[in-house]
Protein backbone atom coordinates (compact mmCIF):
# COMPACT_ATOMS: atom_id res chain seq x y z
CA MET A 1 0.00 0.00 0.00
CA SER A 2 1.03 3.57 -0.50
CA LYS A 3 -0.16 7.14 -0.17
CA THR A 4 -0.55 9.81 -2.81
CA ILE A 5 -0.67 13.59 -2.80
CA VAL A 6 -3.29 14.82 -5.25
CA GLU A 7 -3.56 18.38 -6.55
CA ASN A 8 -7.13 19.49 -5.83
CA SER A 9 -7.66 21.65 -8.93
CA SER A 10 -6.63 19.00 -11.45
CA GLY A 11 -7.08 15.74 -9.56
CA LEU A 12 -3.58 14.76 -10.69
CA SER A 13 -1.57 12.44 -8.48
CA LYS A 14 1.64 14.39 -7.98
CA PHE A 15 3.58 12.19 -5.55
CA VAL A 16 3.40 8.62 -4.23
CA TYR A 17 5.10 7.40 -1.06
CA ALA A 18 5.09 4.19 0.95
CA ASP A 19 2.47 4.20 3.71
CA ASP A 20 5.18 4.16 6.38
CA MET A 21 6.68 7.44 5.08
CA ALA A 22 5.66 10.43 7.20
CA VAL A 23 3.86 13.15 5.22
CA SER A 24 2.97 16.42 6.94
CA MET A 25 0.50 18.59 5.02
CA GLN A 26 1.15 22.17 6.16
CA SER A 27 -0.39 25.50 5.20
CA ASP A 28 2.69 26.63 3.25
CA LYS A 29 4.40 23.35 2.25
CA ILE A 30 4.38 19.58 2.48
CA VAL A 31 7.11 17.92 4.54
CA ILE A 32 8.15 14.37 3.67
CA GLY A 33 9.86 12.17 6.25
CA ASP A 34 10.50 12.34 9.98
CA PRO A 35 13.20 13.52 10.13
CA GLU A 36 12.44 15.43 6.96
CA VAL A 37 14.01 14.24 3.74
CA LEU A 38 12.13 16.54 1.35
CA ILE A 39 10.11 19.74 1.42
CA ILE A 40 7.55 20.21 -1.36
CA GLY A 41 7.22 23.97 -1.62
CA CYS A 42 4.94 24.10 -4.65
CA HIS A 43 2.00 22.41 -2.88
CA ASN A 44 0.39 22.67 0.55
CA SER A 45 -2.61 21.58 2.61
CA GLY A 46 -4.80 24.20 0.91
CA ASP A 47 -4.26 23.01 -2.66
CA SER A 48 -3.63 19.28 -2.21
CA THR A 49 -5.14 16.22 -0.54
CA LEU A 50 -3.31 13.27 0.97
CA HIS A 51 -4.90 9.86 0.32
CA GLU A 52 -3.53 6.95 2.35
CA ASN A 53 -3.80 3.16 2.04
CA VAL A 54 -4.08 3.23 -1.75
CA THR A 55 -2.58 1.01 -4.41
CA ALA A 56 -0.98 3.11 -7.12
CA PRO A 57 -0.83 1.77 -10.67
CA ALA A 58 2.31 -0.29 -11.30
CA ASP A 59 3.52 2.19 -13.94
CA TRP A 60 2.68 5.29 -11.86
CA TYR A 61 4.59 8.46 -12.69
CA GLY A 62 3.83 12.00 -11.49
CA ASN A 63 0.90 13.58 -13.41
CA MET A 64 0.28 10.33 -15.33
CA TYR A 65 -2.90 9.54 -13.39
CA THR A 66 -5.77 11.28 -11.66
CA PHE A 67 -7.11 9.94 -8.40
CA ASP A 68 -10.45 10.89 -6.85
CA GLY A 69 -10.00 9.07 -3.56
CA THR A 70 -11.29 5.81 -5.01
CA THR A 71 -10.50 5.47 -8.70
CA TRP A 72 -7.29 5.93 -10.69
CA ALA A 73 -7.68 7.14 -14.27
CA ALA A 74 -5.08 7.74 -16.97
CA ASN A 75 -4.44 11.41 -17.72
CA PRO A 76 -5.20 11.78 -21.46
CA ASN A 77 -2.97 14.87 -21.62
CA PHE A 78 0.08 13.20 -20.08
CA VAL A 79 3.30 13.55 -22.06
CA ASP A 80 6.02 11.36 -20.61
CA PRO A 81 9.12 13.55 -20.05
CA ARG A 82 11.25 10.41 -19.92
CA LEU A 83 10.46 9.76 -23.60
CA GLU A 84 11.00 13.38 -24.68
CA ASP A 85 14.59 13.13 -23.49
CA GLU A 86 15.16 10.25 -25.91
CA GLU A 87 14.25 12.28 -29.01
């Protein structure tokens, strides 16, 4: 199982972490780890939602899927940046 941080306005799953990873949703940032290992400054508790005990798709990548709290759906507008680098 894992947890995902979803951007409220788009429904896009931005980050996925193992369920045992601490995630602190704060008003001005999101802190990952305890002790902290990462600060996400571009999202916060006001614009994102943390969903826990979820099973992310096996090929999950940031922005590749939306998640509404129950259902994962492929993002039809997703352009894989990993493939763009190969061109």
